[in-house]
Amino acid sequence: MKKMIMLLILSTTILFAALPPRYQNAKDKSTMMAFVKKHPVIESSFSHISVVNQTVYFGEGCEVVFQRKVSFHLPGWVGPAEPLIFKDSTCPIE
């Protein structure tokens, strides 16, 4: 009986650990918009954001690319994704 209860508690915790895509996308979009607001060059010529490509588009064909922070997780881990961090820009951002 105790094993059954522990199994139920652990499986319930794991099932609800990951963020649904809707909330993860909103979190990622907020991170990218905060980056845009911190950089006047990007903000003044901002075009659009692609959450799928994790990219901010600005200026004349310029891009700021983000990536997930690298971290180690145990096999089977289903927690929320790591936050986005700045990776690269195709144009000066300062």
PDB file of N, CA and C in Angstrom:
ATOM      1  N   MET A   1       0.819  -1.191   0.000  1.00  0.00           N
ATOM      2  CA  MET A   1       0.000   0.000   0.000  1.00  0.00           C
ATOM      3  C   MET A   1       0.875   1.273   0.000  1.00  0.00           C
ATOM      4  N   LYS A   2       1.929   1.271   0.828  1.00  0.00           N
ATOM      5  CA  LYS A   2       2.811   2.434   0.884  1.00  0.00           C
ATOM      6  C   LYS A   2       3.505   2.658  -0.455  1.00  0.00           C
ATOM      7  N   LYS A   3       3.902   1.566  -1.094  1.00  0.00           N
ATOM      8  CA  LYS A   3       4.554   1.686  -2.396  1.00  0.00           C
ATOM      9  C   LYS A   3       3.604   2.276  -3.428  1.00  0.00           C
ATOM     10  N   MET A   4       2.354   1.871  -3.358  1.00  0.00           N
ATOM     11  CA  MET A   4       1.353   2.362  -4.289  1.00  0.00           C
ATOM     12  C   MET A   4       1.136   3.870  -4.103  1.00  0.00           C
ATOM     13  N   ILE A   5       1.080   4.308  -2.871  1.00  0.00           N
ATOM     14  CA  ILE A   5       0.884   5.735  -2.584  1.00  0.00           C
ATOM     15  C   ILE A   5       2.092   6.540  -3.048  1.00  0.00           C
ATOM     16  N   MET A   6       3.296   6.044  -2.777  1.00  0.00           N
ATOM     17  CA  MET A   6       4.507   6.742  -3.210  1.00  0.00           C
ATOM     18  C   MET A   6       4.577   6.824  -4.736  1.00  0.00           C
ATOM     19  N   LEU A   7       4.230   5.740  -5.392  1.00  0.00           N
ATOM     20  CA  LEU A   7       4.228   5.737  -6.848  1.00  0.00           C
ATOM     21  C   LEU A   7       3.235   6.757  -7.393  1.00  0.00           C
ATOM     22  N   LEU A   8       2.074   6.835  -6.802  1.00  0.00           N
ATOM     23  CA  LEU A   8       1.059   7.803  -7.225  1.00  0.00           C
ATOM     24  C   LEU A   8       1.539   9.236  -7.006  1.00  0.00           C
ATOM     25  N   ILE A   9       2.141   9.510  -5.878  1.00  0.00           N
ATOM     26  CA  ILE A   9       2.646  10.857  -5.582  1.00  0.00           C
ATOM     27  C   ILE A   9       3.761  11.241  -6.552  1.00  0.00           C
ATOM     28  N   LEU A  10       4.706  10.346  -6.773  1.00  0.00           N
ATOM     29  CA  LEU A  10       5.815  10.645  -7.673  1.00  0.00           C
ATOM     30  C   LEU A  10       5.355  10.824  -9.103  1.00  0.00           C
ATOM     31  N   SER A  11       4.467   9.982  -9.569  1.00  0.00           N
ATOM     32  CA  SER A  11       4.007  10.115 -10.956  1.00  0.00           C
ATOM     33  C   SER A  11       3.169  11.367 -11.138  1.00  0.00           C
ATOM     34  N   THR A  12       2.398  11.749 -10.152  1.00  0.00           N
ATOM     35  CA  THR A  12       1.601  12.974 -10.241  1.00  0.00           C
ATOM     36  C   THR A  12       2.514  14.186 -10.291  1.00  0.00           C
ATOM     37  N   THR A  13       3.564  14.200  -9.487  1.00  0.00           N
ATOM     38  CA  THR A  13       4.508  15.312  -9.478  1.00  0.00           C
ATOM     39  C   THR A  13       5.190  15.448 -10.834  1.00  0.00           C
ATOM     40  N   ILE A  14       5.594  14.334 -11.413  1.00  0.00           N
ATOM     41  CA  ILE A  14       6.285  14.355 -12.694  1.00  0.00           C
ATOM     42  C   ILE A  14       5.345  14.817 -13.805  1.00  0.00           C
ATOM     43  N   LEU A  15       4.118  14.373 -13.785  1.00  0.00           N
ATOM     44  CA  LEU A  15       3.178  14.721 -14.838  1.00  0.00           C
ATOM     45  C   LEU A  15       2.916  16.216 -14.933  1.00  0.00           C
ATOM     46  N   PHE A  16       2.967  16.924 -13.819  1.00  0.00           N
ATOM     47  CA  PHE A  16       2.651  18.337 -13.825  1.00  0.00           C
ATOM     48  C   PHE A  16       3.893  19.230 -13.754  1.00  0.00           C
ATOM     49  N   ALA A  17       5.069  18.675 -14.003  1.00  0.00           N
ATOM     50  CA  ALA A  17       6.306  19.444 -13.873  1.00  0.00           C
ATOM     51  C   ALA A  17       6.595  20.321 -15.087  1.00  0.00           C
ATOM     52  N   ALA A  18       6.195  19.910 -16.277  1.00  0.00           N
ATOM     53  CA  ALA A  18       6.522  20.658 -17.491  1.00  0.00           C
ATOM     54  C   ALA A  18       5.509  21.759 -17.744  1.00  0.00           C
ATOM     55  N   LEU A  19       5.998  22.868 -18.306  1.00  0.00           N
ATOM     56  CA  LEU A  19       5.103  23.951 -18.691  1.00  0.00           C
ATOM     57  C   LEU A  19       4.437  23.621 -20.022  1.00  0.00           C
ATOM     58  N   PRO A  20       3.136  23.838 -20.133  1.00  0.00           N
ATOM     59  CA  PRO A  20       2.500  23.662 -21.439  1.00  0.00           C
ATOM     60  C   PRO A  20       3.104  24.641 -22.449  1.00  0.00           C
ATOM     61  N   PRO A  21       3.135  24.290 -23.735  1.00  0.00           N
ATOM     62  CA  PRO A  21       3.755  25.152 -24.748  1.00  0.00           C
ATOM     63  C   PRO A  21       3.244  26.591 -24.725  1.00  0.00           C
ATOM     64  N   ARG A  22       1.976  26.778 -24.473  1.00  0.00           N
ATOM     65  CA  ARG A  22       1.405  28.130 -24.432  1.00  0.00           C
ATOM     66  C   ARG A  22       2.124  29.011 -23.410  1.00  0.00           C
ATOM     67  N   TYR A  23       2.365  28.458 -22.226  1.00  0.00           N
ATOM     68  CA  TYR A  23       3.021  29.232 -21.175  1.00  0.00           C
ATOM     69  C   TYR A  23       4.524  29.375 -21.430  1.00  0.00           C
ATOM     70  N   GLN A  24       5.131  28.331 -21.975  1.00  0.00           N
ATOM     71  CA  GLN A  24       6.556  28.420 -22.299  1.00  0.00           C
ATOM     72  C   GLN A  24       6.783  29.476 -23.376  1.00  0.00           C
ATOM     73  N   ASN A  25       5.923  29.511 -24.393  1.00  0.00           N
ATOM     74  CA  ASN A  25       6.046  30.513 -25.455  1.00  0.00           C
ATOM     75  C   ASN A  25       5.883  31.921 -24.895  1.00  0.00           C
ATOM     76  N   ALA A  26       4.938  32.119 -23.991  1.00  0.00           N
ATOM     77  CA  ALA A  26       4.733  33.432 -23.379  1.00  0.00           C
ATOM     78  C   ALA A  26       5.967  33.844 -22.570  1.00  0.00           C
ATOM     79  N   LYS A  27       6.551  32.897 -21.851  1.00  0.00           N
ATOM     80  CA  LYS A  27       7.768  33.174 -21.067  1.00  0.00           C
ATOM     81  C   LYS A  27       8.926  33.550 -21.991  1.00  0.00           C
ATOM     82  N   ASP A  28       9.083  32.798 -23.094  1.00  0.00           N
ATOM     83  CA  ASP A  28      10.154  33.080 -24.051  1.00  0.00           C
ATOM     84  C   ASP A  28       9.954  34.443 -24.713  1.00  0.00           C
ATOM     85  N   LYS A  29       8.722  34.761 -25.095  1.00  0.00           N
ATOM     86  CA  LYS A  29       8.421  36.047 -25.731  1.00  0.00           C
ATOM     87  C   LYS A  29       8.731  37.201 -24.776  1.00  0.00           C
ATOM     88  N   SER A  30       8.400  37.031 -23.515  1.00  0.00           N
ATOM     89  CA  SER A  30       8.702  38.076 -22.518  1.00  0.00           C
ATOM     90  C   SER A  30      10.201  38.290 -22.375  1.00  0.00           C
ATOM     91  N   THR A  31      10.958  37.205 -22.387  1.00  0.00           N
ATOM     92  CA  THR A  31      12.420  37.303 -22.297  1.00  0.00           C
ATOM     93  C   THR A  31      12.984  38.068 -23.485  1.00  0.00           C
ATOM     94  N   MET A  32      12.500  37.743 -24.686  1.00  0.00           N
ATOM     95  CA  MET A  32      13.004  38.410 -25.887  1.00  0.00           C
ATOM     96  C   MET A  32      12.588  39.879 -25.922  1.00  0.00           C
ATOM     97  N   MET A  33      11.367  40.193 -25.494  1.00  0.00           N
ATOM     98  CA  MET A  33      10.919  41.590 -25.481  1.00  0.00           C
ATOM     99  C   MET A  33      11.694  42.411 -24.450  1.00  0.00           C
ATOM    100  N   ALA A  34      12.033  41.804 -23.320  1.00  0.00           N
ATOM    101  CA  ALA A  34      12.850  42.507 -22.324  1.00  0.00           C
ATOM    102  C   ALA A  34      14.216  42.843 -22.910  1.00  0.00           C
ATOM    103  N   PHE A  35      14.775  41.945 -23.695  1.00  0.00           N
ATOM    104  CA  PHE A  35      16.052  42.185 -24.366  1.00  0.00           C
ATOM    105  C   PHE A  35      15.918  43.343 -25.353  1.00  0.00           C
ATOM    106  N   VAL A  36      14.836  43.357 -26.124  1.00  0.00           N
ATOM    107  CA  VAL A  36      14.584  44.437 -27.094  1.00  0.00           C
ATOM    108  C   VAL A  36      14.526  45.777 -26.379  1.00  0.00           C
ATOM    109  N   LYS A  37      13.822  45.839 -25.269  1.00  0.00           N
ATOM    110  CA  LYS A  37      13.652  47.097 -24.522  1.00  0.00           C
ATOM    111  C   LYS A  37      14.963  47.604 -23.917  1.00  0.00           C
ATOM    112  N   LYS A  38      15.903  46.711 -23.671  1.00  0.00           N
ATOM    113  CA  LYS A  38      17.199  47.109 -23.099  1.00  0.00           C
ATOM    114  C   LYS A  38      18.168  47.640 -24.153  1.00  0.00           C
ATOM    115  N   HIS A  39      17.845  47.453 -25.425  1.00  0.00           N
ATOM    116  CA  HIS A  39      18.750  47.853 -26.504  1.00  0.00           C
ATOM    117  C   HIS A  39      18.036  48.818 -27.454  1.00  0.00           C
ATOM    118  N   PRO A  40      18.284  50.129 -27.299  1.00  0.00           N
ATOM    119  CA  PRO A  40      17.610  51.140 -28.127  1.00  0.00           C
ATOM    120  C   PRO A  40      17.779  50.930 -29.634  1.00  0.00           C
ATOM    121  N   VAL A  41      18.924  50.407 -30.060  1.00  0.00           N
ATOM    122  CA  VAL A  41      19.153  50.169 -31.488  1.00  0.00           C
ATOM    123  C   VAL A  41      18.135  49.154 -32.019  1.00  0.00           C
ATOM    124  N   ILE A  42      17.893  48.116 -31.250  1.00  0.00           N
ATOM    125  CA  ILE A  42      16.926  47.095 -31.657  1.00  0.00           C
ATOM    126  C   ILE A  42      15.509  47.645 -31.549  1.00  0.00           C
ATOM    127  N   GLU A  43      15.228  48.299 -30.445  1.00  0.00           N
ATOM    128  CA  GLU A  43      13.866  48.805 -30.205  1.00  0.00           C
ATOM    129  C   GLU A  43      13.438  49.820 -31.259  1.00  0.00           C
ATOM    130  N   SER A  44      14.372  50.643 -31.718  1.00  0.00           N
ATOM    131  CA  SER A  44      14.014  51.687 -32.681  1.00  0.00           C
ATOM    132  C   SER A  44      13.692  51.138 -34.067  1.00  0.00           C
ATOM    133  N   SER A  45      14.190  49.950 -34.390  1.00  0.00           N
ATOM    134  CA  SER A  45      13.918  49.380 -35.713  1.00  0.00           C
ATOM    135  C   SER A  45      13.343  47.971 -35.623  1.00  0.00           C
ATOM    136  N   PHE A  46      12.724  47.670 -34.502  1.00  0.00           N
ATOM    137  CA  PHE A  46      12.143  46.347 -34.249  1.00  0.00           C
ATOM    138  C   PHE A  46      11.111  45.989 -35.306  1.00  0.00           C
ATOM    139  N   SER A  47      11.170  44.747 -35.793  1.00  0.00           N
ATOM    140  CA  SER A  47      10.224  44.271 -36.802  1.00  0.00           C
ATOM    141  C   SER A  47       9.270  43.235 -36.206  1.00  0.00           C
ATOM    142  N   HIS A  48       9.810  42.091 -35.792  1.00  0.00           N
ATOM    143  CA  HIS A  48       8.974  41.060 -35.200  1.00  0.00           C
ATOM    144  C   HIS A  48       9.806  40.009 -34.469  1.00  0.00           C
ATOM    145  N   ILE A  49       9.092  39.115 -33.770  1.00  0.00           N
ATOM    146  CA  ILE A  49       9.712  38.036 -33.000  1.00  0.00           C
ATOM    147  C   ILE A  49       9.210  36.712 -33.538  1.00  0.00           C
ATOM    148  N   SER A  50      10.101  35.739 -33.611  1.00  0.00           N
ATOM    149  CA  SER A  50       9.710  34.362 -33.911  1.00  0.00           C
ATOM    150  C   SER A  50      10.035  33.517 -32.685  1.00  0.00           C
ATOM    151  N   VAL A  51       8.992  33.091 -31.984  1.00  0.00           N
ATOM    152  CA  VAL A  51       9.198  32.235 -30.817  1.00  0.00           C
ATOM    153  C   VAL A  51       9.708  30.871 -31.273  1.00  0.00           C
ATOM    154  N   VAL A  52       9.235  30.412 -32.420  1.00  0.00           N
ATOM    155  CA  VAL A  52       9.655  29.112 -32.951  1.00  0.00           C
ATOM    156  C   VAL A  52      11.152  29.102 -33.247  1.00  0.00           C
ATOM    157  N   ASN A  53      11.655  30.163 -33.886  1.00  0.00           N
ATOM    158  CA  ASN A  53      13.082  30.251 -34.227  1.00  0.00           C
ATOM    159  C   ASN A  53      13.910  30.893 -33.126  1.00  0.00           C
ATOM    160  N   GLN A  54      13.259  31.362 -32.073  1.00  0.00           N
ATOM    161  CA  GLN A  54      13.923  32.045 -30.959  1.00  0.00           C
ATOM    162  C   GLN A  54      14.765  33.208 -31.477  1.00  0.00           C
ATOM    163  N   THR A  55      14.136  34.036 -32.320  1.00  0.00           N
ATOM    164  CA  THR A  55      14.848  35.115 -32.999  1.00  0.00           C
ATOM    165  C   THR A  55      14.030  36.403 -32.967  1.00  0.00           C
ATOM    166  N   VAL A  56      14.739  37.520 -32.783  1.00  0.00           N
ATOM    167  CA  VAL A  56      14.157  38.861 -32.885  1.00  0.00           C
ATOM    168  C   VAL A  56      14.676  39.466 -34.183  1.00  0.00           C
ATOM    169  N   TYR A  57      13.775  40.024 -34.973  1.00  0.00           N
ATOM    170  CA  TYR A  57      14.141  40.651 -36.251  1.00  0.00           C
ATOM    171  C   TYR A  57      14.037  42.164 -36.114  1.00  0.00           C
ATOM    172  N   PHE A  58      15.049  42.867 -36.634  1.00  0.00           N
ATOM    173  CA  PHE A  58      15.060  44.327 -36.562  1.00  0.00           C
ATOM    174  C   PHE A  58      15.893  44.883 -37.705  1.00  0.00           C
ATOM    175  N   GLY A  59      15.780  46.176 -37.916  1.00  0.00           N
ATOM    176  CA  GLY A  59      16.588  46.852 -38.936  1.00  0.00           C
ATOM    177  C   GLY A  59      16.375  46.277 -40.320  1.00  0.00           C
ATOM    178  N   GLU A  60      17.412  46.360 -41.136  1.00  0.00           N
ATOM    179  CA  GLU A  60      17.365  45.872 -42.519  1.00  0.00           C
ATOM    180  C   GLU A  60      17.941  44.456 -42.575  1.00  0.00           C
ATOM    181  N   GLY A  61      17.136  43.476 -42.202  1.00  0.00           N
ATOM    182  CA  GLY A  61      17.572  42.073 -42.246  1.00  0.00           C
ATOM    183  C   GLY A  61      18.415  41.632 -41.068  1.00  0.00           C
ATOM    184  N   CYS A  62      18.375  42.372 -39.993  1.00  0.00           N
ATOM    185  CA  CYS A  62      19.166  42.016 -38.808  1.00  0.00           C
ATOM    186  C   CYS A  62      18.395  41.047 -37.907  1.00  0.00           C
ATOM    187  N   GLU A  63      19.144  40.197 -37.225  1.00  0.00           N
ATOM    188  CA  GLU A  63      18.550  39.208 -36.337  1.00  0.00           C
ATOM    189  C   GLU A  63      19.335  39.120 -35.032  1.00  0.00           C
ATOM    190  N   VAL A  64      18.603  38.914 -33.944  1.00  0.00           N
ATOM    191  CA  VAL A  64      19.204  38.553 -32.667  1.00  0.00           C
ATOM    192  C   VAL A  64      18.703  37.154 -32.368  1.00  0.00           C
ATOM    193  N   VAL A  65      19.630  36.222 -32.197  1.00  0.00           N
ATOM    194  CA  VAL A  65      19.277  34.821 -31.989  1.00  0.00           C
ATOM    195  C   VAL A  65      19.496  34.456 -30.525  1.00  0.00           C
ATOM    196  N   PHE A  66      18.537  33.728 -29.981  1.00  0.00           N
ATOM    197  CA  PHE A  66      18.611  33.246 -28.608  1.00  0.00           C
ATOM    198  C   PHE A  66      18.740  31.727 -28.618  1.00  0.00           C
ATOM    199  N   GLN A  67      19.182  31.190 -27.499  1.00  0.00           N
ATOM    200  CA  GLN A  67      19.245  29.741 -27.327  1.00  0.00           C
ATOM    201  C   GLN A  67      18.879  29.418 -25.894  1.00  0.00           C
ATOM    202  N   ARG A  68      18.586  28.164 -25.633  1.00  0.00           N
ATOM    203  CA  ARG A  68      18.294  27.724 -24.275  1.00  0.00           C
ATOM    204  C   ARG A  68      19.588  27.636 -23.483  1.00  0.00           C
ATOM    205  N   LYS A  69      19.526  28.061 -22.253  1.00  0.00           N
ATOM    206  CA  LYS A  69      20.653  27.899 -21.347  1.00  0.00           C
ATOM    207  C   LYS A  69      20.947  26.405 -21.239  1.00  0.00           C
ATOM    208  N   VAL A  70      22.209  26.020 -21.329  1.00  0.00           N
ATOM    209  CA  VAL A  70      22.598  24.616 -21.282  1.00  0.00           C
ATOM    210  C   VAL A  70      22.645  24.154 -19.830  1.00  0.00           C
ATOM    211  N   SER A  71      22.019  23.016 -19.580  1.00  0.00           N
ATOM    212  CA  SER A  71      22.075  22.432 -18.241  1.00  0.00           C
ATOM    213  C   SER A  71      21.931  20.922 -18.338  1.00  0.00           C
ATOM    214  N   PHE A  72      22.308  20.254 -17.289  1.00  0.00           N
ATOM    215  CA  PHE A  72      22.231  18.797 -17.243  1.00  0.00           C
ATOM    216  C   PHE A  72      20.953  18.376 -16.528  1.00  0.00           C
ATOM    217  N   HIS A  73      20.256  17.421 -17.100  1.00  0.00           N
ATOM    218  CA  HIS A  73      19.058  16.862 -16.473  1.00  0.00           C
ATOM    219  C   HIS A  73      19.127  15.346 -16.529  1.00  0.00           C
ATOM    220  N   LEU A  74      18.563  14.733 -15.537  1.00  0.00           N
ATOM    221  CA  LEU A  74      18.517  13.281 -15.493  1.00  0.00           C
ATOM    222  C   LEU A  74      17.605  12.750 -16.598  1.00  0.00           C
ATOM    223  N   PRO A  75      17.853  11.537 -17.071  1.00  0.00           N
ATOM    224  CA  PRO A  75      16.975  10.942 -18.084  1.00  0.00           C
ATOM    225  C   PRO A  75      15.530  10.893 -17.580  1.00  0.00           C
ATOM    226  N   GLY A  76      14.596  11.219 -18.449  1.00  0.00           N
ATOM    227  CA  GLY A  76      13.181  11.219 -18.079  1.00  0.00           C
ATOM    228  C   GLY A  76      12.709  12.523 -17.464  1.00  0.00           C
ATOM    229  N   TRP A  77      13.601  13.498 -17.317  1.00  0.00           N
ATOM    230  CA  TRP A  77      13.239  14.781 -16.725  1.00  0.00           C
ATOM    231  C   TRP A  77      12.258  15.506 -17.635  1.00  0.00           C
ATOM    232  N   VAL A  78      11.186  16.034 -17.049  1.00  0.00           N
ATOM    233  CA  VAL A  78      10.174  16.729 -17.844  1.00  0.00           C
ATOM    234  C   VAL A  78       9.841  18.103 -17.279  1.00  0.00           C
ATOM    235  N   GLY A  79      10.751  18.709 -16.599  1.00  0.00           N
ATOM    236  CA  GLY A  79      10.503  20.019 -15.998  1.00  0.00           C
ATOM    237  C   GLY A  79      10.459  21.112 -17.039  1.00  0.00           C
ATOM    238  N   PRO A  80      10.246  22.352 -16.613  1.00  0.00           N
ATOM    239  CA  PRO A  80      10.194  23.464 -17.561  1.00  0.00           C
ATOM    240  C   PRO A  80      11.532  23.640 -18.273  1.00  0.00           C
ATOM    241  N   ALA A  81      11.476  24.160 -19.473  1.00  0.00           N
ATOM    242  CA  ALA A  81      12.688  24.393 -20.256  1.00  0.00           C
ATOM    243  C   ALA A  81      13.535  25.478 -19.586  1.00  0.00           C
ATOM    244  N   GLU A  82      14.822  25.407 -19.809  1.00  0.00           N
ATOM    245  CA  GLU A  82      15.729  26.434 -19.303  1.00  0.00           C
ATOM    246  C   GLU A  82      15.391  27.766 -19.973  1.00  0.00           C
ATOM    247  N   PRO A  83      15.738  28.886 -19.347  1.00  0.00           N
ATOM    248  CA  PRO A  83      15.432  30.185 -19.949  1.00  0.00           C
ATOM    249  C   PRO A  83      16.257  30.443 -21.211  1.00  0.00           C
ATOM    250  N   LEU A  84      15.747  31.338 -22.037  1.00  0.00           N
ATOM    251  CA  LEU A  84      16.481  31.747 -23.229  1.00  0.00           C
ATOM    252  C   LEU A  84      17.596  32.706 -22.830  1.00  0.00           C
ATOM    253  N   ILE A  85      18.717  32.613 -23.528  1.00  0.00           N
ATOM    254  CA  ILE A  85      19.821  33.553 -23.340  1.00  0.00           C
ATOM    255  C   ILE A  85      20.292  34.022 -24.714  1.00  0.00           C
ATOM    256  N   PHE A  86      20.894  35.192 -24.741  1.00  0.00           N
ATOM    257  CA  PHE A  86      21.418  35.759 -25.984  1.00  0.00           C
ATOM    258  C   PHE A  86      22.507  34.853 -26.539  1.00  0.00           C
ATOM    259  N   LYS A  87      22.427  34.585 -27.844  1.00  0.00           N
ATOM    260  CA  LYS A  87      23.445  33.765 -28.507  1.00  0.00           C
ATOM    261  C   LYS A  87      24.292  34.609 -29.444  1.00  0.00           C
ATOM    262  N   ASP A  88      23.620  35.327 -30.393  1.00  0.00           N
ATOM    263  CA  ASP A  88      24.366  36.032 -31.418  1.00  0.00           C
ATOM    264  C   ASP A  88      23.486  37.071 -32.080  1.00  0.00           C
ATOM    265  N   SER A  89      24.120  38.039 -32.722  1.00  0.00           N
ATOM    266  CA  SER A  89      23.404  39.040 -33.502  1.00  0.00           C
ATOM    267  C   SER A  89      24.111  39.221 -34.843  1.00  0.00           C
ATOM    268  N   THR A  90      23.321  39.398 -35.888  1.00  0.00           N
ATOM    269  CA  THR A  90      23.912  39.586 -37.209  1.00  0.00           C
ATOM    270  C   THR A  90      24.309  41.045 -37.465  1.00  0.00           C
ATOM    271  N   CYS A  91      23.870  41.956 -36.590  1.00  0.00           N
ATOM    272  CA  CYS A  91      24.192  43.385 -36.699  1.00  0.00           C
ATOM    273  C   CYS A  91      24.568  43.898 -35.318  1.00  0.00           C
ATOM    274  N   PRO A  92      25.280  45.032 -35.251  1.00  0.00           N
ATOM    275  CA  PRO A  92      25.618  45.619 -33.933  1.00  0.00           C
ATOM    276  C   PRO A  92      24.328  45.964 -33.166  1.00  0.00           C
ATOM    277  N   ILE A  93      24.337  45.699 -31.860  1.00  0.00           N
ATOM    278  CA  ILE A  93      23.166  45.993 -31.035  1.00  0.00           C
ATOM    279  C   ILE A  93      23.423  47.104 -30.034  1.00  0.00           C
ATOM    280  N   GLU A  94      24.609  47.630 -30.019  1.00  0.00           N
ATOM    281  CA  GLU A  94      24.952  48.717 -29.085  1.00  0.00           C
ATOM    282  C   GLU A  94      25.107  50.020 -29.823  1.00  0.00           C
TER     283      GLU A  94
END
